[in-house]
Amino acid sequence: MSGQRTHIAFDLAHHPRTRDLIRMALEEDLGDAGDVTSAALLPGANTTVHMVTRESCVPAGIGLAAMVFRAVDPSLEVERLAEDGRPVEAGADLLRISGSALGVLSAERTALNFVQRLSGIATLTRQYVDVVEDLGTQILDTRKTTPGWRLLEKYAVHCGGGVNHRCGLYDQVLIKDNHLAHWRRHEGNTLAGAVEAARAFAPGLLVEVEADTLPQVKRLLEARPDWILLDNMTFFELEAAVELCRGLCRTEASGGITLETLRGVAETGVDAISVGALTHSVPAVDIALDTPA
């Protein structure tokens, strides 16, 4: 049976989009005049600060924060004290930064914005992963990401132990209800025919099709898609769909799945569960810069 998903490879430090985001974020915060408060009050001052998490979390984006400090002032000494993806307790130090106080404070908010949000995504993802870890069910992200931040947010999901769904519209076929509504307007077009047309157009890409009912699942299996997305089905329907698909294609459940309902969905036997909340409504982790006494 085909259709195995693997993690998307990320090298944030060398990806041009990462550096573009850092540049735009700093331009947004510093403008043309820079940090006027620090420049007025702290000319020539030096400092050492620690980036500290106020709560237990799975950090993500520590290296990205380090890149922000170095982008503002290359002379700053930045030492990583924790690793992305490795859980830490409240009070843990993530970075130590030494050098110009003007450079440190000019970069502070931008660096924190990156690491707070990405750590929030990684932490929530780990909570979902832990609930179903013994069942072997993959937790997938979605395209419900902050515009421009998709690469970063999918990296954070990876740090939390989740598996990346497609990065965009270009790297996997996903035939959803709106596609099918237009496809069926032409006489003779079938669900199976939609899968065949997608495979002919994009050979080599995974093909997944959304199904809302068990009769749809049965018709789709004629064309053997790699995955079937079981959308907003009951536990009973999910179990029946998994049995229909066994040995023929993989199954993904989606549709408002929460930490409270996650275990029950996974116990139906689906291969994966996609969760938009991992990126579209996650709270930031409380992380700050502290000056040691």
C-alpha atoms as a PDB file:
ATOM      1  CA  MET A   1       0.000   0.000   0.000  1.00  0.00           C
ATOM      2  CA  SER A   2       1.452   3.385  -1.016  1.00  0.00           C
ATOM      3  CA  GLY A   3       1.015   6.768   0.584  1.00  0.00           C
ATOM      4  CA  GLN A   4       3.450   6.925   3.488  1.00  0.00           C
ATOM      5  CA  ARG A   5       4.017  10.502   4.661  1.00  0.00           C
ATOM      6  CA  THR A   6       7.379  11.683   5.910  1.00  0.00           C
ATOM      7  CA  HIS A   7       8.543  14.856   7.606  1.00  0.00           C
ATOM      8  CA  ILE A   8       9.344  17.758   5.330  1.00  0.00           C
ATOM      9  CA  ALA A   9      13.039  18.630   5.624  1.00  0.00           C
ATOM     10  CA  PHE A  10      13.708  22.011   7.205  1.00  0.00           C
ATOM     11  CA  ASP A  11      16.935  24.004   7.331  1.00  0.00           C
ATOM     12  CA  LEU A  12      15.681  27.299   8.677  1.00  0.00           C
ATOM     13  CA  ALA A  13      19.123  28.818   9.150  1.00  0.00           C
ATOM     14  CA  HIS A  14      19.915  28.591   5.445  1.00  0.00           C
ATOM     15  CA  HIS A  15      16.467  29.100   3.953  1.00  0.00           C
ATOM     16  CA  PRO A  16      16.139  32.479   2.194  1.00  0.00           C
ATOM     17  CA  ARG A  17      12.556  32.875   3.405  1.00  0.00           C
ATOM     18  CA  THR A  18      13.746  32.788   7.021  1.00  0.00           C
ATOM     19  CA  ARG A  19      16.136  35.668   6.472  1.00  0.00           C
ATOM     20  CA  ASP A  20      13.458  37.603   4.568  1.00  0.00           C
ATOM     21  CA  LEU A  21      11.035  37.219   7.493  1.00  0.00           C
ATOM     22  CA  ILE A  22      13.639  38.377   9.992  1.00  0.00           C
ATOM     23  CA  ARG A  23      14.467  41.385   7.833  1.00  0.00           C
ATOM     24  CA  MET A  24      10.813  42.374   7.417  1.00  0.00           C
ATOM     25  CA  ALA A  25      10.064  41.895  11.121  1.00  0.00           C
ATOM     26  CA  LEU A  26      13.001  44.075  12.146  1.00  0.00           C
ATOM     27  CA  GLU A  27      12.128  46.759   9.598  1.00  0.00           C
ATOM     28  CA  GLU A  28       8.595  46.773  10.978  1.00  0.00           C
ATOM     29  CA  ASP A  29       9.824  47.287  14.551  1.00  0.00           C
ATOM     30  CA  LEU A  30      12.851  49.527  14.052  1.00  0.00           C
ATOM     31  CA  GLY A  31      11.729  51.683  11.147  1.00  0.00           C
ATOM     32  CA  ASP A  32      14.244  54.242   9.950  1.00  0.00           C
ATOM     33  CA  ALA A  33      15.209  55.607  13.372  1.00  0.00           C
ATOM     34  CA  GLY A  34      15.838  52.374  15.288  1.00  0.00           C
ATOM     35  CA  ASP A  35      15.244  51.909  19.027  1.00  0.00           C
ATOM     36  CA  VAL A  36      15.142  55.564  20.043  1.00  0.00           C
ATOM     37  CA  THR A  37      14.495  54.799  23.721  1.00  0.00           C
ATOM     38  CA  SER A  38      17.549  52.566  24.151  1.00  0.00           C
ATOM     39  CA  ALA A  39      19.696  54.879  22.029  1.00  0.00           C
ATOM     40  CA  ALA A  40      18.746  57.831  24.242  1.00  0.00           C
ATOM     41  CA  LEU A  41      19.189  56.122  27.607  1.00  0.00           C
ATOM     42  CA  LEU A  42      21.876  53.465  27.096  1.00  0.00           C
ATOM     43  CA  PRO A  43      24.566  54.789  24.730  1.00  0.00           C
ATOM     44  CA  GLY A  44      27.667  52.639  25.039  1.00  0.00           C
ATOM     45  CA  ALA A  45      26.167  50.345  27.725  1.00  0.00           C
ATOM     46  CA  ASN A  46      26.778  46.592  27.719  1.00  0.00           C
ATOM     47  CA  THR A  47      24.608  43.868  29.201  1.00  0.00           C
ATOM     48  CA  THR A  48      24.103  40.142  29.584  1.00  0.00           C
ATOM     49  CA  VAL A  49      20.579  38.749  29.466  1.00  0.00           C
ATOM     50  CA  HIS A  50      18.964  35.309  29.447  1.00  0.00           C
ATOM     51  CA  MET A  51      15.940  34.282  27.417  1.00  0.00           C
ATOM     52  CA  VAL A  52      13.824  32.404  29.964  1.00  0.00           C
ATOM     53  CA  THR A  53      10.577  30.455  29.665  1.00  0.00           C
ATOM     54  CA  ARG A  54       8.038  31.194  32.383  1.00  0.00           C
ATOM     55  CA  GLU A  55       6.215  27.911  31.779  1.00  0.00           C
ATOM     56  CA  SER A  56       6.964  24.325  30.833  1.00  0.00           C
ATOM     57  CA  CYS A  57       7.084  23.983  27.078  1.00  0.00           C
ATOM     58  CA  VAL A  58       8.568  22.376  24.001  1.00  0.00           C
ATOM     59  CA  PRO A  59      10.769  25.144  22.624  1.00  0.00           C
ATOM     60  CA  ALA A  60      10.988  25.899  18.922  1.00  0.00           C
ATOM     61  CA  GLY A  61      12.709  28.720  17.111  1.00  0.00           C
ATOM     62  CA  ILE A  62      15.622  29.193  19.523  1.00  0.00           C
ATOM     63  CA  GLY A  63      18.071  29.308  16.630  1.00  0.00           C
ATOM     64  CA  LEU A  64      15.777  31.723  14.824  1.00  0.00           C
ATOM     65  CA  ALA A  65      15.832  34.055  17.834  1.00  0.00           C
ATOM     66  CA  ALA A  66      19.622  33.865  17.843  1.00  0.00           C
ATOM     67  CA  MET A  67      19.620  34.884  14.174  1.00  0.00           C
ATOM     68  CA  VAL A  68      17.526  37.949  15.053  1.00  0.00           C
ATOM     69  CA  PHE A  69      20.028  39.163  17.651  1.00  0.00           C
ATOM     70  CA  ARG A  70      22.941  38.645  15.261  1.00  0.00           C
ATOM     71  CA  ALA A  71      21.072  40.403  12.450  1.00  0.00           C
ATOM     72  CA  VAL A  72      20.675  43.507  14.626  1.00  0.00           C
ATOM     73  CA  ASP A  73      24.236  43.449  15.943  1.00  0.00           C
ATOM     74  CA  PRO A  74      26.744  40.880  14.639  1.00  0.00           C
ATOM     75  CA  SER A  75      29.056  41.625  17.583  1.00  0.00           C
ATOM     76  CA  LEU A  76      26.587  40.188  20.119  1.00  0.00           C
ATOM     77  CA  GLU A  77      27.623  36.914  21.751  1.00  0.00           C
ATOM     78  CA  VAL A  78      24.697  34.487  21.597  1.00  0.00           C
ATOM     79  CA  GLU A  79      24.820  31.080  23.303  1.00  0.00           C
ATOM     80  CA  ARG A  80      22.095  28.467  22.928  1.00  0.00           C
ATOM     81  CA  LEU A  81      21.196  26.854  26.263  1.00  0.00           C
ATOM     82  CA  ALA A  82      18.344  24.596  25.087  1.00  0.00           C
ATOM     83  CA  GLU A  83      17.410  22.682  21.946  1.00  0.00           C
ATOM     84  CA  ASP A  84      14.312  22.885  19.770  1.00  0.00           C
ATOM     85  CA  GLY A  85      12.015  19.938  20.354  1.00  0.00           C
ATOM     86  CA  ARG A  86      13.399  19.005  23.792  1.00  0.00           C
ATOM     87  CA  PRO A  87      10.887  19.778  26.575  1.00  0.00           C
ATOM     88  CA  VAL A  88      11.999  22.178  29.323  1.00  0.00           C
ATOM     89  CA  GLU A  89      10.524  23.168  32.668  1.00  0.00           C
ATOM     90  CA  ALA A  90       9.409  26.626  33.740  1.00  0.00           C
ATOM     91  CA  GLY A  91      12.407  28.798  34.539  1.00  0.00           C
ATOM     92  CA  ALA A  92      14.685  27.173  31.964  1.00  0.00           C
ATOM     93  CA  ASP A  93      17.166  29.355  30.098  1.00  0.00           C
ATOM     94  CA  LEU A  94      16.948  29.144  26.303  1.00  0.00           C
ATOM     95  CA  LEU A  95      19.592  31.690  25.249  1.00  0.00           C
ATOM     96  CA  ARG A  96      22.314  33.839  26.793  1.00  0.00           C
ATOM     97  CA  ILE A  97      23.052  37.097  24.982  1.00  0.00           C
ATOM     98  CA  SER A  98      25.916  39.444  25.823  1.00  0.00           C
ATOM     99  CA  GLY A  99      27.066  42.715  24.314  1.00  0.00           C
ATOM    100  CA  SER A 100      25.653  46.106  23.439  1.00  0.00           C
ATOM    101  CA  ALA A 101      22.501  46.888  25.403  1.00  0.00           C
ATOM    102  CA  LEU A 102      21.248  48.852  22.406  1.00  0.00           C
ATOM    103  CA  GLY A 103      21.645  45.787  20.165  1.00  0.00           C
ATOM    104  CA  VAL A 104      20.025  43.432  22.678  1.00  0.00           C
ATOM    105  CA  LEU A 105      17.004  45.624  23.357  1.00  0.00           C
ATOM    106  CA  SER A 106      16.550  46.510  19.688  1.00  0.00           C
ATOM    107  CA  ALA A 107      16.209  42.801  18.863  1.00  0.00           C
ATOM    108  CA  GLU A 108      14.325  41.696  21.988  1.00  0.00           C
ATOM    109  CA  ARG A 109      10.690  41.903  20.881  1.00  0.00           C
ATOM    110  CA  THR A 110      11.218  40.474  17.407  1.00  0.00           C
ATOM    111  CA  ALA A 111      13.225  37.535  18.781  1.00  0.00           C
ATOM    112  CA  LEU A 112      10.597  36.848  21.440  1.00  0.00           C
ATOM    113  CA  ASN A 113       7.729  37.063  18.950  1.00  0.00           C
ATOM    114  CA  PHE A 114       9.289  34.297  16.884  1.00  0.00           C
ATOM    115  CA  VAL A 115      10.169  31.939  19.710  1.00  0.00           C
ATOM    116  CA  GLN A 116       6.970  32.483  21.747  1.00  0.00           C
ATOM    117  CA  ARG A 117       4.649  31.589  18.886  1.00  0.00           C
ATOM    118  CA  LEU A 118       6.705  28.708  17.532  1.00  0.00           C
ATOM    119  CA  SER A 119       7.129  27.228  21.007  1.00  0.00           C
ATOM    120  CA  GLY A 120       3.373  27.480  21.504  1.00  0.00           C
ATOM    121  CA  ILE A 121       2.827  25.433  18.348  1.00  0.00           C
ATOM    122  CA  ALA A 122       5.435  22.840  19.328  1.00  0.00           C
ATOM    123  CA  THR A 123       4.027  22.552  22.849  1.00  0.00           C
ATOM    124  CA  LEU A 124       0.435  22.062  21.722  1.00  0.00           C
ATOM    125  CA  THR A 125       1.513  19.585  19.050  1.00  0.00           C
ATOM    126  CA  ARG A 126       3.342  17.518  21.671  1.00  0.00           C
ATOM    127  CA  GLN A 127       0.160  17.400  23.766  1.00  0.00           C
ATOM    128  CA  TYR A 128      -1.750  15.932  20.821  1.00  0.00           C
ATOM    129  CA  VAL A 129       1.052  13.513  19.963  1.00  0.00           C
ATOM    130  CA  ASP A 130       1.276  12.245  23.546  1.00  0.00           C
ATOM    131  CA  VAL A 131      -2.440  11.388  23.647  1.00  0.00           C
ATOM    132  CA  VAL A 132      -2.165   8.913  20.743  1.00  0.00           C
ATOM    133  CA  GLU A 133       1.489   7.914  20.836  1.00  0.00           C
ATOM    134  CA  ASP A 134       0.780   4.315  21.879  1.00  0.00           C
ATOM    135  CA  LEU A 135      -1.669   3.897  18.992  1.00  0.00           C
ATOM    136  CA  GLY A 136       0.821   4.944  16.295  1.00  0.00           C
ATOM    137  CA  THR A 137      -1.549   7.562  14.876  1.00  0.00           C
ATOM    138  CA  GLN A 138       0.123  10.451  13.071  1.00  0.00           C
ATOM    139  CA  ILE A 139      -0.838  13.998  14.047  1.00  0.00           C
ATOM    140  CA  LEU A 140      -0.853  16.185  10.925  1.00  0.00           C
ATOM    141  CA  ASP A 141      -0.811  19.940  10.515  1.00  0.00           C
ATOM    142  CA  THR A 142      -2.772  21.843   7.859  1.00  0.00           C
ATOM    143  CA  ARG A 143      -2.440  24.921   5.626  1.00  0.00           C
ATOM    144  CA  LYS A 144      -4.225  27.040   8.263  1.00  0.00           C
ATOM    145  CA  THR A 145      -1.062  28.993   8.986  1.00  0.00           C
ATOM    146  CA  THR A 146      -0.062  32.618   9.439  1.00  0.00           C
ATOM    147  CA  PRO A 147       0.555  34.089   5.964  1.00  0.00           C
ATOM    148  CA  GLY A 148       4.271  34.059   5.281  1.00  0.00           C
ATOM    149  CA  TRP A 149       5.040  31.936   8.355  1.00  0.00           C
ATOM    150  CA  ARG A 150       4.099  28.503   6.978  1.00  0.00           C
ATOM    151  CA  LEU A 151       7.650  27.173   6.822  1.00  0.00           C
ATOM    152  CA  LEU A 152       8.315  28.291  10.399  1.00  0.00           C
ATOM    153  CA  GLU A 153       5.043  26.965  11.772  1.00  0.00           C
ATOM    154  CA  LYS A 154       5.398  23.600  10.093  1.00  0.00           C
ATOM    155  CA  TYR A 155       8.913  23.416  11.512  1.00  0.00           C
ATOM    156  CA  ALA A 156       7.409  23.997  14.975  1.00  0.00           C
ATOM    157  CA  VAL A 157       4.895  21.174  14.420  1.00  0.00           C
ATOM    158  CA  HIS A 158       7.842  18.950  13.532  1.00  0.00           C
ATOM    159  CA  CYS A 159       9.590  19.994  16.777  1.00  0.00           C
ATOM    160  CA  GLY A 160       6.484  18.914  18.681  1.00  0.00           C
ATOM    161  CA  GLY A 161       6.486  15.453  17.104  1.00  0.00           C
ATOM    162  CA  GLY A 162       3.768  16.086  14.524  1.00  0.00           C
ATOM    163  CA  VAL A 163       3.951  15.174  10.852  1.00  0.00           C
ATOM    164  CA  ASN A 164       3.753  17.772   8.115  1.00  0.00           C
ATOM    165  CA  HIS A 165       0.888  17.549   5.651  1.00  0.00           C
ATOM    166  CA  ARG A 166       1.485  19.243   2.293  1.00  0.00           C
ATOM    167  CA  CYS A 167       3.373  22.533   2.433  1.00  0.00           C
ATOM    168  CA  GLY A 168       1.155  24.123  -0.210  1.00  0.00           C
ATOM    169  CA  LEU A 169      -1.040  23.497  -3.195  1.00  0.00           C
ATOM    170  CA  TYR A 170       1.946  22.336  -5.228  1.00  0.00           C
ATOM    171  CA  ASP A 171       3.336  19.268  -3.428  1.00  0.00           C
ATOM    172  CA  GLN A 172       0.320  16.975  -3.021  1.00  0.00           C
ATOM    173  CA  VAL A 173      -3.060  16.484  -4.657  1.00  0.00           C
ATOM    174  CA  LEU A 174      -5.975  16.957  -2.252  1.00  0.00           C
ATOM    175  CA  ILE A 175      -9.358  16.736  -3.950  1.00  0.00           C
ATOM    176  CA  LYS A 176     -11.935  18.411  -1.700  1.00  0.00           C
ATOM    177  CA  ASP A 177     -15.674  19.010  -1.877  1.00  0.00           C
ATOM    178  CA  ASN A 178     -15.384  22.239  -3.897  1.00  0.00           C
ATOM    179  CA  HIS A 179     -13.239  20.494  -6.509  1.00  0.00           C
ATOM    180  CA  LEU A 180     -15.753  17.678  -6.770  1.00  0.00           C
ATOM    181  CA  ALA A 181     -18.716  20.047  -7.005  1.00  0.00           C
ATOM    182  CA  HIS A 182     -17.258  21.555 -10.189  1.00  0.00           C
ATOM    183  CA  TRP A 183     -15.985  18.219 -11.522  1.00  0.00           C
ATOM    184  CA  ARG A 184     -19.440  16.627 -11.317  1.00  0.00           C
ATOM    185  CA  ARG A 185     -21.031  19.363 -13.412  1.00  0.00           C
ATOM    186  CA  HIS A 186     -19.709  17.607 -16.490  1.00  0.00           C
ATOM    187  CA  GLU A 187     -21.718  14.585 -17.505  1.00  0.00           C
ATOM    188  CA  GLY A 188     -19.967  11.289 -16.993  1.00  0.00           C
ATOM    189  CA  ASN A 189     -17.414  12.548 -14.489  1.00  0.00           C
ATOM    190  CA  THR A 190     -17.062  10.217 -11.507  1.00  0.00           C
ATOM    191  CA  LEU A 191     -15.182  10.257  -8.195  1.00  0.00           C
ATOM    192  CA  ALA A 192     -12.840   7.594  -9.495  1.00  0.00           C
ATOM    193  CA  GLY A 193     -12.340   9.633 -12.636  1.00  0.00           C
ATOM    194  CA  ALA A 194     -11.225  12.605 -10.578  1.00  0.00           C
ATOM    195  CA  VAL A 195      -8.462  10.513  -9.000  1.00  0.00           C
ATOM    196  CA  GLU A 196      -7.375   9.225 -12.393  1.00  0.00           C
ATOM    197  CA  ALA A 197      -7.284  12.766 -13.842  1.00  0.00           C
ATOM    198  CA  ALA A 198      -5.173  14.012 -10.910  1.00  0.00           C
ATOM    199  CA  ARG A 199      -2.702  11.151 -11.284  1.00  0.00           C
ATOM    200  CA  ALA A 200      -2.351  11.780 -14.994  1.00  0.00           C
ATOM    201  CA  PHE A 201      -1.720  15.506 -14.423  1.00  0.00           C
ATOM    202  CA  ALA A 202       0.675  15.156 -11.455  1.00  0.00           C
ATOM    203  CA  PRO A 203       2.373  11.760 -11.635  1.00  0.00           C
ATOM    204  CA  GLY A 204       4.467  10.982  -8.576  1.00  0.00           C
ATOM    205  CA  LEU A 205       2.486  13.114  -6.132  1.00  0.00           C
ATOM    206  CA  LEU A 206       0.335  11.628  -3.382  1.00  0.00           C
ATOM    207  CA  VAL A 207      -3.376  11.792  -4.204  1.00  0.00           C
ATOM    208  CA  GLU A 208      -5.857  12.280  -1.378  1.00  0.00           C
ATOM    209  CA  VAL A 209      -9.628  12.735  -1.692  1.00  0.00           C
ATOM    210  CA  GLU A 210     -12.105  14.083   0.836  1.00  0.00           C
ATOM    211  CA  ALA A 211     -15.123  11.932   1.650  1.00  0.00           C
ATOM    212  CA  ASP A 212     -18.076  12.870   3.864  1.00  0.00           C
ATOM    213  CA  THR A 213     -20.046   9.617   3.663  1.00  0.00           C
ATOM    214  CA  LEU A 214     -19.430   5.880   3.543  1.00  0.00           C
ATOM    215  CA  PRO A 215     -20.956   5.549   0.045  1.00  0.00           C
ATOM    216  CA  GLN A 216     -18.391   8.117  -1.166  1.00  0.00           C
ATOM    217  CA  VAL A 217     -15.598   6.056   0.377  1.00  0.00           C
ATOM    218  CA  LYS A 218     -16.800   2.928  -1.432  1.00  0.00           C
ATOM    219  CA  ARG A 219     -16.869   4.713  -4.790  1.00  0.00           C
ATOM    220  CA  LEU A 220     -13.451   6.279  -4.243  1.00  0.00           C
ATOM    221  CA  LEU A 221     -11.824   2.928  -3.544  1.00  0.00           C
ATOM    222  CA  GLU A 222     -12.425   1.936  -7.163  1.00  0.00           C
ATOM    223  CA  ALA A 223      -9.591   4.334  -8.123  1.00  0.00           C
ATOM    224  CA  ARG A 224      -7.317   3.490  -5.184  1.00  0.00           C
ATOM    225  CA  PRO A 225      -6.264   6.966  -3.982  1.00  0.00           C
ATOM    226  CA  ASP A 226      -3.251   7.036  -1.686  1.00  0.00           C
ATOM    227  CA  TRP A 227      -5.286   8.601   1.121  1.00  0.00           C
ATOM    228  CA  ILE A 228      -8.937   9.272   1.882  1.00  0.00           C
ATOM    229  CA  LEU A 229      -9.734  12.246   4.103  1.00  0.00           C
ATOM    230  CA  LEU A 230     -12.673  11.294   6.321  1.00  0.00           C
ATOM    231  CA  ASP A 231     -14.272  14.629   7.126  1.00  0.00           C
ATOM    232  CA  ASN A 232     -16.600  15.199  10.098  1.00  0.00           C
ATOM    233  CA  MET A 233     -17.560  11.536  10.460  1.00  0.00           C
ATOM    234  CA  THR A 234     -18.888   9.901  13.610  1.00  0.00           C
ATOM    235  CA  PHE A 235     -16.861   7.272  15.446  1.00  0.00           C
ATOM    236  CA  PHE A 236     -19.059   4.572  13.916  1.00  0.00           C
ATOM    237  CA  GLU A 237     -18.561   5.951  10.399  1.00  0.00           C
ATOM    238  CA  LEU A 238     -14.817   6.255  10.924  1.00  0.00           C
ATOM    239  CA  GLU A 239     -14.553   2.642  12.069  1.00  0.00           C
ATOM    240  CA  ALA A 240     -16.552   1.450   9.068  1.00  0.00           C
ATOM    241  CA  ALA A 241     -14.474   3.572   6.667  1.00  0.00           C
ATOM    242  CA  VAL A 242     -11.211   2.255   8.108  1.00  0.00           C
ATOM    243  CA  GLU A 243     -12.421  -1.308   7.574  1.00  0.00           C
ATOM    244  CA  LEU A 244     -13.394  -0.545   3.976  1.00  0.00           C
ATOM    245  CA  CYS A 245      -9.969   1.007   3.286  1.00  0.00           C
ATOM    246  CA  ARG A 246      -7.876  -1.626   5.044  1.00  0.00           C
ATOM    247  CA  GLY A 247      -5.055  -2.760   2.761  1.00  0.00           C
ATOM    248  CA  LEU A 248      -6.215  -0.432  -0.041  1.00  0.00           C
ATOM    249  CA  CYS A 249      -5.360   3.108   1.061  1.00  0.00           C
ATOM    250  CA  ARG A 250      -4.545   5.142   4.142  1.00  0.00           C
ATOM    251  CA  THR A 251      -7.069   7.149   6.134  1.00  0.00           C
ATOM    252  CA  GLU A 252      -6.998  10.616   7.670  1.00  0.00           C
ATOM    253  CA  ALA A 253      -9.674  11.992  10.006  1.00  0.00           C
ATOM    254  CA  SER A 254     -10.417  15.704  10.222  1.00  0.00           C
ATOM    255  CA  GLY A 255     -13.057  18.151  11.349  1.00  0.00           C
ATOM    256  CA  GLY A 256     -12.966  20.014  14.668  1.00  0.00           C
ATOM    257  CA  ILE A 257     -11.009  17.334  16.528  1.00  0.00           C
ATOM    258  CA  THR A 258      -9.906  18.472  20.011  1.00  0.00           C
ATOM    259  CA  LEU A 259      -7.700  17.048  22.745  1.00  0.00           C
ATOM    260  CA  GLU A 260     -10.882  15.751  24.370  1.00  0.00           C
ATOM    261  CA  THR A 261     -12.089  13.838  21.292  1.00  0.00           C
ATOM    262  CA  LEU A 262      -8.675  12.921  19.903  1.00  0.00           C
ATOM    263  CA  ARG A 263      -8.257   9.550  21.623  1.00  0.00           C
ATOM    264  CA  GLY A 264     -11.656   8.299  20.519  1.00  0.00           C
ATOM    265  CA  VAL A 265     -10.948   9.253  16.909  1.00  0.00           C
ATOM    266  CA  ALA A 266      -7.563   7.525  16.977  1.00  0.00           C
ATOM    267  CA  GLU A 267      -9.070   4.351  18.435  1.00  0.00           C
ATOM    268  CA  THR A 268     -11.184   3.950  15.283  1.00  0.00           C
ATOM    269  CA  GLY A 269      -7.975   2.904  13.532  1.00  0.00           C
ATOM    270  CA  VAL A 270      -7.331   5.879  11.261  1.00  0.00           C
ATOM    271  CA  ASP A 271      -3.717   6.319  10.158  1.00  0.00           C
ATOM    272  CA  ALA A 272      -3.618  10.058  10.780  1.00  0.00           C
ATOM    273  CA  ILE A 273      -5.573  12.938  12.289  1.00  0.00           C
ATOM    274  CA  SER A 274      -5.228  16.487  10.971  1.00  0.00           C
ATOM    275  CA  VAL A 275      -5.640  19.362  13.421  1.00  0.00           C
ATOM    276  CA  GLY A 276      -5.908  22.942  12.183  1.00  0.00           C
ATOM    277  CA  ALA A 277      -5.757  24.273  15.749  1.00  0.00           C
ATOM    278  CA  LEU A 278      -2.060  23.402  15.951  1.00  0.00           C
ATOM    279  CA  THR A 279      -1.302  26.550  13.964  1.00  0.00           C
ATOM    280  CA  HIS A 280      -4.430  28.675  13.595  1.00  0.00           C
ATOM    281  CA  SER A 281      -5.342  29.338  17.233  1.00  0.00           C
ATOM    282  CA  VAL A 282      -2.433  28.325  19.437  1.00  0.00           C
ATOM    283  CA  PRO A 283      -1.509  30.431  22.495  1.00  0.00           C
ATOM    284  CA  ALA A 284       2.022  31.791  22.693  1.00  0.00           C
ATOM    285  CA  VAL A 285       4.356  30.509  25.400  1.00  0.00           C
ATOM    286  CA  ASP A 286       5.310  33.043  28.074  1.00  0.00           C
ATOM    287  CA  ILE A 287       9.010  33.686  27.364  1.00  0.00           C
ATOM    288  CA  ALA A 288      10.974  36.779  28.368  1.00  0.00           C
ATOM    289  CA  LEU A 289      14.443  38.316  28.577  1.00  0.00           C
ATOM    290  CA  ASP A 290      15.801  38.551  32.130  1.00  0.00           C
ATOM    291  CA  THR A 291      18.902  40.307  33.367  1.00  0.00           C
ATOM    292  CA  PRO A 292      20.618  38.056  35.952  1.00  0.00           C
ATOM    293  CA  ALA A 293      21.034  39.635  39.395  1.00  0.00           C
END
